[in-house]
Structures are given as structure tokens and as C-alpha cells.
PDB file of N, CA and C in Angstrom:
ATOM      1  N   MET A   1      33.165  17.066  -3.681  1.00  0.00           N
ATOM      2  CA  MET A   1      31.775  17.057  -4.379  1.00  0.00           C
ATOM      3  C   MET A   1      30.670  17.711  -3.620  1.00  0.00           C
ATOM      4  N   LYS A   2      29.856  18.581  -4.065  1.00  0.00           N
ATOM      5  CA  LYS A   2      28.927  18.294  -3.089  1.00  0.00           C
ATOM      6  C   LYS A   2      27.147  17.749  -4.213  1.00  0.00           C
ATOM      7  N   LEU A   3      26.926  17.179  -4.000  1.00  0.00           N
ATOM      8  CA  LEU A   3      26.179  16.271  -4.574  1.00  0.00           C
ATOM      9  C   LEU A   3      24.356  16.128  -4.134  1.00  0.00           C
ATOM     10  N   LEU A   4      23.677  16.754  -5.312  1.00  0.00           N
ATOM     11  CA  LEU A   4      22.328  16.752  -4.555  1.00  0.00           C
ATOM     12  C   LEU A   4      21.933  15.476  -5.822  1.00  0.00           C
ATOM     13  N   LEU A   5      21.034  14.603  -5.153  1.00  0.00           N
ATOM     14  CA  LEU A   5      20.373  13.450  -6.017  1.00  0.00           C
ATOM     15  C   LEU A   5      18.771  13.927  -5.637  1.00  0.00           C
ATOM     16  N   ASP A   6      18.322  13.490  -7.308  1.00  0.00           N
ATOM     17  CA  ASP A   6      17.478  13.887  -7.705  1.00  0.00           C
ATOM     18  C   ASP A   6      15.983  12.815  -6.935  1.00  0.00           C
ATOM     19  N   GLU A   7      14.984  12.936  -7.559  1.00  0.00           N
ATOM     20  CA  GLU A   7      14.469  12.325  -6.270  1.00  0.00           C
ATOM     21  C   GLU A   7      13.852  10.783  -6.285  1.00  0.00           C
ATOM     22  N   MET A   8      14.159  10.440  -7.691  1.00  0.00           N
ATOM     23  CA  MET A   8      14.098   9.090  -7.921  1.00  0.00           C
ATOM     24  C   MET A   8      15.013   8.140  -7.677  1.00  0.00           C
ATOM     25  N   TYR A   9      15.738   8.541  -6.650  1.00  0.00           N
ATOM     26  CA  TYR A   9      17.187   7.832  -6.447  1.00  0.00           C
ATOM     27  C   TYR A   9      16.871   7.874  -5.077  1.00  0.00           C
ATOM     28  N   PRO A  10      17.104   6.190  -4.115  1.00  0.00           N
ATOM     29  CA  PRO A  10      16.625   6.554  -2.786  1.00  0.00           C
ATOM     30  C   PRO A  10      17.246   7.096  -1.714  1.00  0.00           C
ATOM     31  N   PRO A  11      17.201   6.597  -0.448  1.00  0.00           N
ATOM     32  CA  PRO A  11      18.231   7.460  -0.183  1.00  0.00           C
ATOM     33  C   PRO A  11      19.579   6.865   0.384  1.00  0.00           C
ATOM     34  N   ALA A  12      19.318   5.113   0.066  1.00  0.00           N
ATOM     35  CA  ALA A  12      20.467   4.729   0.300  1.00  0.00           C
ATOM     36  C   ALA A  12      21.722   4.817  -0.805  1.00  0.00           C
ATOM     37  N   LEU A  13      21.095   5.723  -1.694  1.00  0.00           N
ATOM     38  CA  LEU A  13      22.235   6.006  -2.783  1.00  0.00           C
ATOM     39  C   LEU A  13      23.179   6.498  -2.319  1.00  0.00           C
ATOM     40  N   ALA A  14      22.312   7.392  -1.399  1.00  0.00           N
ATOM     41  CA  ALA A  14      23.281   8.583  -0.608  1.00  0.00           C
ATOM     42  C   ALA A  14      24.362   8.695   0.279  1.00  0.00           C
ATOM     43  N   ASP A  15      23.621   7.813   1.132  1.00  0.00           N
ATOM     44  CA  ASP A  15      24.167   6.997   2.501  1.00  0.00           C
ATOM     45  C   ASP A  15      25.766   6.149   1.817  1.00  0.00           C
ATOM     46  N   ALA A  16      25.315   5.647   0.904  1.00  0.00           N
ATOM     47  CA  ALA A  16      26.624   5.238   0.232  1.00  0.00           C
ATOM     48  C   ALA A  16      27.673   6.082  -0.545  1.00  0.00           C
ATOM     49  N   LEU A  17      27.201   7.249  -1.296  1.00  0.00           N
ATOM     50  CA  LEU A  17      28.305   8.280  -1.715  1.00  0.00           C
ATOM     51  C   LEU A  17      28.975   8.799  -0.073  1.00  0.00           C
ATOM     52  N   ARG A  18      27.901   9.288   0.744  1.00  0.00           N
ATOM     53  CA  ARG A  18      28.461   9.935   1.646  1.00  0.00           C
ATOM     54  C   ARG A  18      29.626   9.223   2.449  1.00  0.00           C
ATOM     55  N   ARG A  19      29.382   7.965   2.434  1.00  0.00           N
ATOM     56  CA  ARG A  19      30.206   6.552   2.981  1.00  0.00           C
ATOM     57  C   ARG A  19      31.916   6.786   2.531  1.00  0.00           C
ATOM     58  N   SER A  20      31.389   6.904   1.074  1.00  0.00           N
ATOM     59  CA  SER A  20      32.853   7.029  -0.025  1.00  0.00           C
ATOM     60  C   SER A  20      33.283   9.324  -0.057  1.00  0.00           C
ATOM     61  N   GLY A  21      32.614   9.341   1.069  1.00  0.00           N
ATOM     62  CA  GLY A  21      33.647  10.889   1.331  1.00  0.00           C
ATOM     63  C   GLY A  21      33.013  12.058   0.024  1.00  0.00           C
ATOM     64  N   ILE A  22      31.711  11.598  -0.201  1.00  0.00           N
ATOM     65  CA  ILE A  22      31.079  12.453  -1.321  1.00  0.00           C
ATOM     66  C   ILE A  22      29.909  13.194  -0.581  1.00  0.00           C
ATOM     67  N   ASP A  23      30.372  14.414  -0.003  1.00  0.00           N
ATOM     68  CA  ASP A  23      28.865  15.583   0.952  1.00  0.00           C
ATOM     69  C   ASP A  23      27.663  14.793  -0.573  1.00  0.00           C
ATOM     70  N   ALA A  24      26.237  13.785  -0.075  1.00  0.00           N
ATOM     71  CA  ALA A  24      25.808  13.415  -1.043  1.00  0.00           C
ATOM     72  C   ALA A  24      24.445  14.067   0.197  1.00  0.00           C
ATOM     73  N   SER A  25      23.168  14.472  -0.440  1.00  0.00           N
ATOM     74  CA  SER A  25      21.732  14.521  -0.037  1.00  0.00           C
ATOM     75  C   SER A  25      20.940  14.200  -1.544  1.00  0.00           C
ATOM     76  N   ASN A  26      19.711  14.104  -0.625  1.00  0.00           N
ATOM     77  CA  ASN A  26      18.609  13.471  -1.690  1.00  0.00           C
ATOM     78  C   ASN A  26      17.903  14.405  -1.740  1.00  0.00           C
ATOM     79  N   VAL A  27      16.875  15.076  -2.806  1.00  0.00           N
ATOM     80  CA  VAL A  27      15.877  16.219  -2.470  1.00  0.00           C
ATOM     81  C   VAL A  27      15.206  16.623  -1.426  1.00  0.00           C
ATOM     82  N   GLY A  28      14.983  15.014  -0.848  1.00  0.00           N
ATOM     83  CA  GLY A  28      13.650  14.966  -0.300  1.00  0.00           C
ATOM     84  C   GLY A  28      14.245  15.326   1.259  1.00  0.00           C
ATOM     85  N   GLU A  29      15.666  15.066   1.927  1.00  0.00           N
ATOM     86  CA  GLU A  29      16.000  15.884   2.448  1.00  0.00           C
ATOM     87  C   GLU A  29      16.640  17.312   2.877  1.00  0.00           C
ATOM     88  N   VAL A  30      17.103  18.002   1.849  1.00  0.00           N
ATOM     89  CA  VAL A  30      17.040  19.485   1.902  1.00  0.00           C
ATOM     90  C   VAL A  30      15.670  20.126   1.689  1.00  0.00           C
ATOM     91  N   GLY A  31      14.924  19.668   1.774  1.00  0.00           N
ATOM     92  CA  GLY A  31      13.012  19.725   1.885  1.00  0.00           C
ATOM     93  C   GLY A  31      12.957  20.157   0.332  1.00  0.00           C
ATOM     94  N   LEU A  32      13.854  19.451  -1.062  1.00  0.00           N
ATOM     95  CA  LEU A  32      12.758  19.765  -2.546  1.00  0.00           C
ATOM     96  C   LEU A  32      12.128  18.812  -2.634  1.00  0.00           C
ATOM     97  N   GLY A  33      11.301  17.833  -1.995  1.00  0.00           N
ATOM     98  CA  GLY A  33      10.642  16.551  -2.360  1.00  0.00           C
ATOM     99  C   GLY A  33       9.385  17.358  -3.016  1.00  0.00           C
ATOM    100  N   GLY A  34       9.252  16.727  -4.441  1.00  0.00           N
ATOM    101  CA  GLY A  34       7.970  17.388  -4.864  1.00  0.00           C
ATOM    102  C   GLY A  34       7.879  18.506  -5.750  1.00  0.00           C
ATOM    103  N   ARG A  35       9.110  18.630  -5.099  1.00  0.00           N
ATOM    104  CA  ARG A  35       9.059  20.631  -6.520  1.00  0.00           C
ATOM    105  C   ARG A  35       9.760  19.974  -8.110  1.00  0.00           C
ATOM    106  N   SER A  36       9.817  20.853  -8.323  1.00  0.00           N
ATOM    107  CA  SER A  36       9.482  21.203 -10.079  1.00  0.00           C
ATOM    108  C   SER A  36      11.219  21.245 -10.200  1.00  0.00           C
ATOM    109  N   ASP A  37      11.508  20.845 -11.661  1.00  0.00           N
ATOM    110  CA  ASP A  37      12.679  20.528 -12.019  1.00  0.00           C
ATOM    111  C   ASP A  37      13.240  22.124 -11.960  1.00  0.00           C
ATOM    112  N   PRO A  38      13.005  22.711 -12.547  1.00  0.00           N
ATOM    113  CA  PRO A  38      13.437  24.648 -12.524  1.00  0.00           C
ATOM    114  C   PRO A  38      13.511  24.749 -10.971  1.00  0.00           C
ATOM    115  N   ASP A  39      13.099  24.498  -9.994  1.00  0.00           N
ATOM    116  CA  ASP A  39      13.156  24.716  -8.444  1.00  0.00           C
ATOM    117  C   ASP A  39      14.467  23.935  -8.372  1.00  0.00           C
ATOM    118  N   ILE A  40      14.782  22.707  -8.829  1.00  0.00           N
ATOM    119  CA  ILE A  40      15.500  22.129  -8.356  1.00  0.00           C
ATOM    120  C   ILE A  40      16.744  22.368  -8.788  1.00  0.00           C
ATOM    121  N   LEU A  41      16.895  22.642 -10.072  1.00  0.00           N
ATOM    122  CA  LEU A  41      18.422  23.446 -10.488  1.00  0.00           C
ATOM    123  C   LEU A  41      18.622  24.496 -10.035  1.00  0.00           C
ATOM    124  N   ALA A  42      17.460  25.147  -9.252  1.00  0.00           N
ATOM    125  CA  ALA A  42      18.161  26.253  -9.216  1.00  0.00           C
ATOM    126  C   ALA A  42      18.552  25.780  -7.571  1.00  0.00           C
ATOM    127  N   ALA A  43      17.806  25.243  -6.980  1.00  0.00           N
ATOM    128  CA  ALA A  43      18.854  25.164  -5.323  1.00  0.00           C
ATOM    129  C   ALA A  43      19.617  24.832  -5.288  1.00  0.00           C
ATOM    130  N   ALA A  44      19.984  23.599  -6.597  1.00  0.00           N
ATOM    131  CA  ALA A  44      21.770  23.311  -6.760  1.00  0.00           C
ATOM    132  C   ALA A  44      22.470  24.172  -6.720  1.00  0.00           C
ATOM    133  N   GLU A  45      22.456  25.158  -7.752  1.00  0.00           N
ATOM    134  CA  GLU A  45      22.897  26.155  -7.968  1.00  0.00           C
ATOM    135  C   GLU A  45      23.142  27.084  -6.511  1.00  0.00           C
ATOM    136  N   ALA A  46      21.916  27.637  -6.347  1.00  0.00           N
ATOM    137  CA  ALA A  46      22.674  28.333  -5.142  1.00  0.00           C
ATOM    138  C   ALA A  46      23.232  27.808  -4.044  1.00  0.00           C
ATOM    139  N   GLY A  47      23.013  26.398  -4.059  1.00  0.00           N
ATOM    140  CA  GLY A  47      23.832  25.810  -2.411  1.00  0.00           C
ATOM    141  C   GLY A  47      24.956  24.631  -3.351  1.00  0.00           C
ATOM    142  N   GLY A  48      25.425  25.242  -4.304  1.00  0.00           N
ATOM    143  CA  GLY A  48      27.213  24.627  -4.856  1.00  0.00           C
ATOM    144  C   GLY A  48      26.815  23.002  -5.374  1.00  0.00           C
ATOM    145  N   TYR A  49      25.961  22.998  -4.956  1.00  0.00           N
ATOM    146  CA  TYR A  49      25.293  20.959  -5.686  1.00  0.00           C
ATOM    147  C   TYR A  49      25.579  20.788  -6.987  1.00  0.00           C
ATOM    148  N   VAL A  50      26.142  19.692  -7.247  1.00  0.00           N
ATOM    149  CA  VAL A  50      26.479  19.236  -8.982  1.00  0.00           C
ATOM    150  C   VAL A  50      24.769  18.329  -8.602  1.00  0.00           C
ATOM    151  N   LEU A  51      24.066  18.190  -9.113  1.00  0.00           N
ATOM    152  CA  LEU A  51      22.890  17.617  -9.342  1.00  0.00           C
ATOM    153  C   LEU A  51      23.285  15.967 -10.097  1.00  0.00           C
ATOM    154  N   LEU A  52      22.560  15.005  -9.877  1.00  0.00           N
ATOM    155  CA  LEU A  52      22.572  13.595  -9.911  1.00  0.00           C
ATOM    156  C   LEU A  52      21.354  13.312 -10.397  1.00  0.00           C
ATOM    157  N   THR A  53      21.048  12.960 -11.950  1.00  0.00           N
ATOM    158  CA  THR A  53      19.355  13.056 -12.063  1.00  0.00           C
ATOM    159  C   THR A  53      19.480  11.595 -12.941  1.00  0.00           C
ATOM    160  N   GLU A  54      17.995  11.171 -13.925  1.00  0.00           N
ATOM    161  CA  GLU A  54      18.312  10.160 -14.696  1.00  0.00           C
ATOM    162  C   GLU A  54      16.992  10.905 -15.586  1.00  0.00           C
ATOM    163  N   ASN A  55      16.873  12.145 -15.491  1.00  0.00           N
ATOM    164  CA  ASN A  55      15.805  13.002 -16.247  1.00  0.00           C
ATOM    165  C   ASN A  55      16.494  14.016 -17.536  1.00  0.00           C
ATOM    166  N   VAL A  56      17.242  13.573 -18.282  1.00  0.00           N
ATOM    167  CA  VAL A  56      17.900  13.891 -19.175  1.00  0.00           C
ATOM    168  C   VAL A  56      17.158  14.883 -20.049  1.00  0.00           C
ATOM    169  N   ALA A  57      16.180  14.549 -20.375  1.00  0.00           N
ATOM    170  CA  ALA A  57      15.010  15.663 -21.088  1.00  0.00           C
ATOM    171  C   ALA A  57      14.634  16.380 -20.525  1.00  0.00           C
ATOM    172  N   ASP A  58      14.908  17.109 -19.213  1.00  0.00           N
ATOM    173  CA  ASP A  58      13.972  18.161 -18.915  1.00  0.00           C
ATOM    174  C   ASP A  58      15.535  18.820 -18.476  1.00  0.00           C
ATOM    175  N   PHE A  59      16.567  18.337 -17.920  1.00  0.00           N
ATOM    176  CA  PHE A  59      17.530  18.669 -17.067  1.00  0.00           C
ATOM    177  C   PHE A  59      18.681  19.113 -17.793  1.00  0.00           C
ATOM    178  N   ALA A  60      18.932  18.492 -19.539  1.00  0.00           N
ATOM    179  CA  ALA A  60      19.753  18.850 -20.829  1.00  0.00           C
ATOM    180  C   ALA A  60      19.523  20.685 -21.063  1.00  0.00           C
ATOM    181  N   ARG A  61      17.762  20.449 -20.692  1.00  0.00           N
ATOM    182  CA  ARG A  61      16.914  21.846 -21.594  1.00  0.00           C
ATOM    183  C   ARG A  61      17.380  23.060 -20.438  1.00  0.00           C
ATOM    184  N   LEU A  62      16.879  22.438 -19.253  1.00  0.00           N
ATOM    185  CA  LEU A  62      17.788  23.308 -18.494  1.00  0.00           C
ATOM    186  C   LEU A  62      18.596  24.117 -18.124  1.00  0.00           C
ATOM    187  N   ALA A  63      19.586  23.041 -18.220  1.00  0.00           N
ATOM    188  CA  ALA A  63      21.095  23.520 -18.130  1.00  0.00           C
ATOM    189  C   ALA A  63      20.941  24.370 -19.020  1.00  0.00           C
ATOM    190  N   THR A  64      21.078  23.895 -20.657  1.00  0.00           N
ATOM    191  CA  THR A  64      21.296  24.914 -21.847  1.00  0.00           C
ATOM    192  C   THR A  64      20.531  26.215 -21.390  1.00  0.00           C
ATOM    193  N   GLU A  65      19.635  26.187 -20.924  1.00  0.00           N
ATOM    194  CA  GLU A  65      18.798  27.548 -20.959  1.00  0.00           C
ATOM    195  C   GLU A  65      19.124  28.622 -20.123  1.00  0.00           C
ATOM    196  N   HIS A  66      19.687  28.037 -19.042  1.00  0.00           N
ATOM    197  CA  HIS A  66      20.319  28.275 -17.924  1.00  0.00           C
ATOM    198  C   HIS A  66      21.248  29.060 -18.471  1.00  0.00           C
ATOM    199  N   LEU A  67      22.430  28.380 -19.422  1.00  0.00           N
ATOM    200  CA  LEU A  67      23.701  29.051 -19.728  1.00  0.00           C
ATOM    201  C   LEU A  67      23.633  30.211 -20.492  1.00  0.00           C
ATOM    202  N   THR A  68      22.845  29.849 -21.730  1.00  0.00           N
ATOM    203  CA  THR A  68      22.384  31.055 -22.048  1.00  0.00           C
ATOM    204  C   THR A  68      21.533  32.515 -21.625  1.00  0.00           C
ATOM    205  N   THR A  69      21.296  32.365 -20.711  1.00  0.00           N
ATOM    206  CA  THR A  69      20.945  33.440 -19.717  1.00  0.00           C
ATOM    207  C   THR A  69      21.843  33.766 -19.560  1.00  0.00           C
ATOM    208  N   GLY A  70      23.192  33.826 -19.496  1.00  0.00           N
ATOM    209  CA  GLY A  70      24.905  33.679 -18.820  1.00  0.00           C
ATOM    210  C   GLY A  70      24.440  32.884 -17.284  1.00  0.00           C
ATOM    211  N   ALA A  71      24.211  32.240 -16.797  1.00  0.00           N
ATOM    212  CA  ALA A  71      24.003  31.854 -15.566  1.00  0.00           C
ATOM    213  C   ALA A  71      24.768  31.118 -15.734  1.00  0.00           C
ATOM    214  N   HIS A  72      25.478  30.218 -14.628  1.00  0.00           N
ATOM    215  CA  HIS A  72      26.465  28.948 -14.483  1.00  0.00           C
ATOM    216  C   HIS A  72      25.381  28.004 -13.667  1.00  0.00           C
ATOM    217  N   HIS A  73      26.201  26.975 -13.066  1.00  0.00           N
ATOM    218  CA  HIS A  73      25.614  25.981 -12.935  1.00  0.00           C
ATOM    219  C   HIS A  73      26.702  24.918 -12.553  1.00  0.00           C
ATOM    220  N   PRO A  74      26.440  24.779 -10.947  1.00  0.00           N
ATOM    221  CA  PRO A  74      27.688  23.329 -10.365  1.00  0.00           C
ATOM    222  C   PRO A  74      28.251  22.312 -11.388  1.00  0.00           C
ATOM    223  N   GLY A  75      27.135  21.736 -12.061  1.00  0.00           N
ATOM    224  CA  GLY A  75      26.869  20.836 -13.221  1.00  0.00           C
ATOM    225  C   GLY A  75      25.887  19.920 -13.148  1.00  0.00           C
ATOM    226  N   VAL A  76      25.504  18.771 -13.824  1.00  0.00           N
ATOM    227  CA  VAL A  76      24.606  17.851 -13.713  1.00  0.00           C
ATOM    228  C   VAL A  76      25.002  16.307 -14.048  1.00  0.00           C
ATOM    229  N   LEU A  77      25.004  15.315 -13.483  1.00  0.00           N
ATOM    230  CA  LEU A  77      25.278  13.982 -13.964  1.00  0.00           C
ATOM    231  C   LEU A  77      24.582  13.228 -13.905  1.00  0.00           C
ATOM    232  N   THR A  78      24.132  12.560 -15.455  1.00  0.00           N
ATOM    233  CA  THR A  78      23.123  11.603 -15.890  1.00  0.00           C
ATOM    234  C   THR A  78      23.485  10.455 -16.056  1.00  0.00           C
ATOM    235  N   ALA A  79      22.806   9.686 -15.059  1.00  0.00           N
ATOM    236  CA  ALA A  79      22.580   7.937 -15.153  1.00  0.00           C
ATOM    237  C   ALA A  79      21.478   7.619 -15.201  1.00  0.00           C
ATOM    238  N   LEU A  80      21.865   7.666 -16.594  1.00  0.00           N
ATOM    239  CA  LEU A  80      20.645   6.741 -17.405  1.00  0.00           C
ATOM    240  C   LEU A  80      20.370   5.474 -16.983  1.00  0.00           C
ATOM    241  N   SER A  81      18.343   5.588 -16.761  1.00  0.00           N
ATOM    242  CA  SER A  81      18.259   4.008 -16.692  1.00  0.00           C
ATOM    243  C   SER A  81      18.533   2.865 -17.321  1.00  0.00           C
ATOM    244  N   SER A  82      18.660   3.681 -18.587  1.00  0.00           N
ATOM    245  CA  SER A  82      18.941   2.529 -19.717  1.00  0.00           C
ATOM    246  C   SER A  82      20.352   1.656 -18.778  1.00  0.00           C
ATOM    247  N   ARG A  83      21.340   2.447 -18.573  1.00  0.00           N
ATOM    248  CA  ARG A  83      22.838   2.529 -18.373  1.00  0.00           C
ATOM    249  C   ARG A  83      23.092   1.245 -16.591  1.00  0.00           C
ATOM    250  N   PHE A  84      21.692   1.830 -15.574  1.00  0.00           N
ATOM    251  CA  PHE A  84      22.189   2.068 -14.683  1.00  0.00           C
ATOM    252  C   PHE A  84      20.400   1.813 -13.740  1.00  0.00           C
ATOM    253  N   SER A  85      20.657   1.117 -13.244  1.00  0.00           N
ATOM    254  CA  SER A  85      19.106   0.446 -11.758  1.00  0.00           C
ATOM    255  C   SER A  85      19.134   1.156 -10.863  1.00  0.00           C
ATOM    256  N   ARG A  86      18.170   1.281 -10.381  1.00  0.00           N
ATOM    257  CA  ARG A  86      18.285   2.470  -8.773  1.00  0.00           C
ATOM    258  C   ARG A  86      17.869   1.582  -7.687  1.00  0.00           C
ATOM    259  N   ARG A  87      17.759   0.001  -8.228  1.00  0.00           N
ATOM    260  CA  ARG A  87      17.458  -0.779  -6.816  1.00  0.00           C
ATOM    261  C   ARG A  87      18.675  -1.195  -6.160  1.00  0.00           C
ATOM    262  N   PRO A  88      18.728  -1.564  -5.286  1.00  0.00           N
ATOM    263  CA  PRO A  88      19.287  -1.538  -4.131  1.00  0.00           C
ATOM    264  C   PRO A  88      20.533  -2.656  -5.145  1.00  0.00           C
ATOM    265  N   SER A  89      20.577  -3.455  -5.997  1.00  0.00           N
ATOM    266  CA  SER A  89      21.568  -3.807  -6.749  1.00  0.00           C
ATOM    267  C   SER A  89      22.553  -3.030  -7.444  1.00  0.00           C
ATOM    268  N   GLY A  90      22.026  -1.552  -7.897  1.00  0.00           N
ATOM    269  CA  GLY A  90      22.846  -0.917  -8.616  1.00  0.00           C
ATOM    270  C   GLY A  90      22.824   0.368  -7.922  1.00  0.00           C
ATOM    271  N   ILE A  91      23.211   0.611  -6.754  1.00  0.00           N
ATOM    272  CA  ILE A  91      23.767   1.109  -6.157  1.00  0.00           C
ATOM    273  C   ILE A  91      25.149   1.696  -5.787  1.00  0.00           C
ATOM    274  N   ASN A  92      25.771   0.531  -5.905  1.00  0.00           N
ATOM    275  CA  ASN A  92      26.929   0.186  -5.842  1.00  0.00           C
ATOM    276  C   ASN A  92      27.464   0.589  -7.241  1.00  0.00           C
ATOM    277  N   ALA A  93      26.932   0.619  -8.280  1.00  0.00           N
ATOM    278  CA  ALA A  93      27.487   1.109  -9.695  1.00  0.00           C
ATOM    279  C   ALA A  93      27.343   2.704 -10.006  1.00  0.00           C
ATOM    280  N   ILE A  94      25.943   3.522  -9.414  1.00  0.00           N
ATOM    281  CA  ILE A  94      26.133   4.463  -8.879  1.00  0.00           C
ATOM    282  C   ILE A  94      27.285   5.175  -8.481  1.00  0.00           C
ATOM    283  N   ALA A  95      27.060   4.803  -7.639  1.00  0.00           N
ATOM    284  CA  ALA A  95      28.204   5.123  -6.624  1.00  0.00           C
ATOM    285  C   ALA A  95      29.496   5.623  -7.258  1.00  0.00           C
ATOM    286  N   ALA A  96      29.636   4.125  -7.945  1.00  0.00           N
ATOM    287  CA  ALA A  96      30.855   4.043  -8.477  1.00  0.00           C
ATOM    288  C   ALA A  96      31.391   4.519  -9.383  1.00  0.00           C
ATOM    289  N   ALA A  97      30.281   5.516 -10.401  1.00  0.00           N
ATOM    290  CA  ALA A  97      30.482   6.433 -11.876  1.00  0.00           C
ATOM    291  C   ALA A  97      30.614   7.401 -11.087  1.00  0.00           C
ATOM    292  N   VAL A  98      29.510   7.648 -10.135  1.00  0.00           N
ATOM    293  CA  VAL A  98      29.522   9.514  -9.428  1.00  0.00           C
ATOM    294  C   VAL A  98      31.228   9.466  -8.907  1.00  0.00           C
ATOM    295  N   ARG A  99      31.906   8.259  -8.180  1.00  0.00           N
ATOM    296  CA  ARG A  99      33.250   8.530  -7.464  1.00  0.00           C
ATOM    297  C   ARG A  99      34.340   8.711  -9.131  1.00  0.00           C
ATOM    298  N   ALA A 100      33.654   8.138  -9.838  1.00  0.00           N
ATOM    299  CA  ALA A 100      35.018   8.438 -11.476  1.00  0.00           C
ATOM    300  C   ALA A 100      34.910   9.739 -11.350  1.00  0.00           C
ATOM    301  N   VAL A 101      34.304  10.830 -11.761  1.00  0.00           N
ATOM    302  CA  VAL A 101      33.816  11.802 -12.413  1.00  0.00           C
ATOM    303  C   VAL A 101      34.047  12.717 -11.067  1.00  0.00           C
ATOM    304  N   ALA A 102      34.198  12.903  -9.553  1.00  0.00           N
ATOM    305  CA  ALA A 102      34.129  13.695  -8.454  1.00  0.00           C
ATOM    306  C   ALA A 102      35.020  14.805  -8.448  1.00  0.00           C
ATOM    307  N   THR A 103      36.168  14.547  -9.445  1.00  0.00           N
ATOM    308  CA  THR A 103      37.196  15.444  -9.216  1.00  0.00           C
ATOM    309  C   THR A 103      37.475  16.093 -10.415  1.00  0.00           C
ATOM    310  N   ASP A 104      36.408  15.807 -11.204  1.00  0.00           N
ATOM    311  CA  ASP A 104      36.619  16.791 -12.164  1.00  0.00           C
ATOM    312  C   ASP A 104      35.978  17.772 -12.203  1.00  0.00           C
ATOM    313  N   HIS A 105      36.446  18.818 -13.509  1.00  0.00           N
ATOM    314  CA  HIS A 105      35.982  20.117 -13.381  1.00  0.00           C
ATOM    315  C   HIS A 105      34.393  19.834 -13.974  1.00  0.00           C
ATOM    316  N   LEU A 106      33.371  20.401 -12.951  1.00  0.00           N
ATOM    317  CA  LEU A 106      31.940  20.113 -13.659  1.00  0.00           C
ATOM    318  C   LEU A 106      30.774  21.021 -14.305  1.00  0.00           C
ATOM    319  N   GLU A 107      31.669  22.490 -13.735  1.00  0.00           N
ATOM    320  CA  GLU A 107      30.768  23.294 -13.827  1.00  0.00           C
ATOM    321  C   GLU A 107      30.408  23.420 -15.144  1.00  0.00           C
ATOM    322  N   ASP A 108      29.249  23.815 -15.411  1.00  0.00           N
ATOM    323  CA  ASP A 108      27.886  24.436 -16.569  1.00  0.00           C
ATOM    324  C   ASP A 108      28.195  22.781 -17.677  1.00  0.00           C
ATOM    325  N   ARG A 109      28.568  21.676 -17.061  1.00  0.00           N
ATOM    326  CA  ARG A 109      28.268  20.608 -17.905  1.00  0.00           C
ATOM    327  C   ARG A 109      27.571  19.551 -17.294  1.00  0.00           C
ATOM    328  N   LEU A 110      27.144  19.027 -18.882  1.00  0.00           N
ATOM    329  CA  LEU A 110      26.696  17.836 -18.382  1.00  0.00           C
ATOM    330  C   LEU A 110      27.035  16.657 -18.852  1.00  0.00           C
ATOM    331  N   VAL A 111      26.848  15.816 -17.969  1.00  0.00           N
ATOM    332  CA  VAL A 111      27.932  14.488 -17.964  1.00  0.00           C
ATOM    333  C   VAL A 111      26.914  13.938 -17.654  1.00  0.00           C
ATOM    334  N   PHE A 112      27.415  12.982 -18.981  1.00  0.00           N
ATOM    335  CA  PHE A 112      26.790  10.900 -18.886  1.00  0.00           C
ATOM    336  C   PHE A 112      27.313  10.485 -17.905  1.00  0.00           C
ATOM    337  N   LEU A 113      27.111   9.404 -16.651  1.00  0.00           N
ATOM    338  CA  LEU A 113      27.682   8.682 -16.088  1.00  0.00           C
ATOM    339  C   LEU A 113      28.049   7.268 -17.163  1.00  0.00           C
ATOM    340  N   GLU A 114      29.072   6.895 -17.060  1.00  0.00           N
ATOM    341  CA  GLU A 114      29.347   5.078 -18.161  1.00  0.00           C
ATOM    342  C   GLU A 114      29.755   4.331 -16.335  1.00  0.00           C
ATOM    343  N   GLN A 115      29.247   3.293 -17.011  1.00  0.00           N
ATOM    344  CA  GLN A 115      29.263   2.205 -16.281  1.00  0.00           C
ATOM    345  C   GLN A 115      30.805   1.418 -15.666  1.00  0.00           C
ATOM    346  N   PRO A 116      31.012   1.679 -14.469  1.00  0.00           N
ATOM    347  CA  PRO A 116      32.189   0.973 -13.923  1.00  0.00           C
ATOM    348  C   PRO A 116      33.584  -0.258 -14.763  1.00  0.00           C
ATOM    349  N   PRO A 117      34.086  -0.171 -15.697  1.00  0.00           N
ATOM    350  CA  PRO A 117      34.532  -1.437 -15.625  1.00  0.00           C
ATOM    351  C   PRO A 117      34.240  -2.582 -14.696  1.00  0.00           C
ATOM    352  N   GLN A 118      34.024  -4.157 -15.127  1.00  0.00           N
ATOM    353  CA  GLN A 118      33.662  -4.762 -14.374  1.00  0.00           C
ATOM    354  C   GLN A 118      35.080  -5.379 -13.543  1.00  0.00           C
TER     355      GLN A 118
END
């Protein structure tokens, strides 16, 4: 899986995901820091990246609009802030949730990540 992390996520999350075998990059690492949500989704699509975000309001709408035009995207993973913390103590939980869906067919899907079992 190639994964693009939206800008709210710390570089430490990308590092944790890479250590577990996921090709993860933060938007800042690929020159997209501060770009608009449509630009980030377009870059994810162009680069073959599944997108990880907690911004469900914008990206659910954008992904749906994208599909209605006949375009496709590699997938959008949503880690809701009510379920996951972006603080250092929450990185392992987000990484585990991503790993849990890493082999799933994600193309054109919006997936809400779940907390891993304790």
C-alpha cells in the first residue's frame, strides 16, 4: 500500500508505518503542505496513494464528487479524531488500524478506521 498522510498527522506516524512495511509519506514530504483538499486528493490519485485523513466532511464530499465524474481514486481512509489521537501516544493505534486494512481492496472507497482490539 502507498499511503499519503494528510497534513494533520505528524511525521512520526509516517515513520511508524514505514517501519511496518507501508510506503507512507506525509503531504509535507511530497511538497503538498498547505495545499487545498482538492489538490491533495488529485495528487493522491496521480501518485497512486490511498489518502489518510481525519477530515471526513471535505474528503467524503470530494471523493463522491470525484466518482460522479467517472474518475477513480485509490481510496480514502478516515481516522476520526473521536476515535484516534494524533498525539505521540496515539500513533501506534492509528498505524495498527491502517495495517488492518492495508490488504483490503480500497479503490474508490471511503473507509472509517476502527480502533484495534486491546
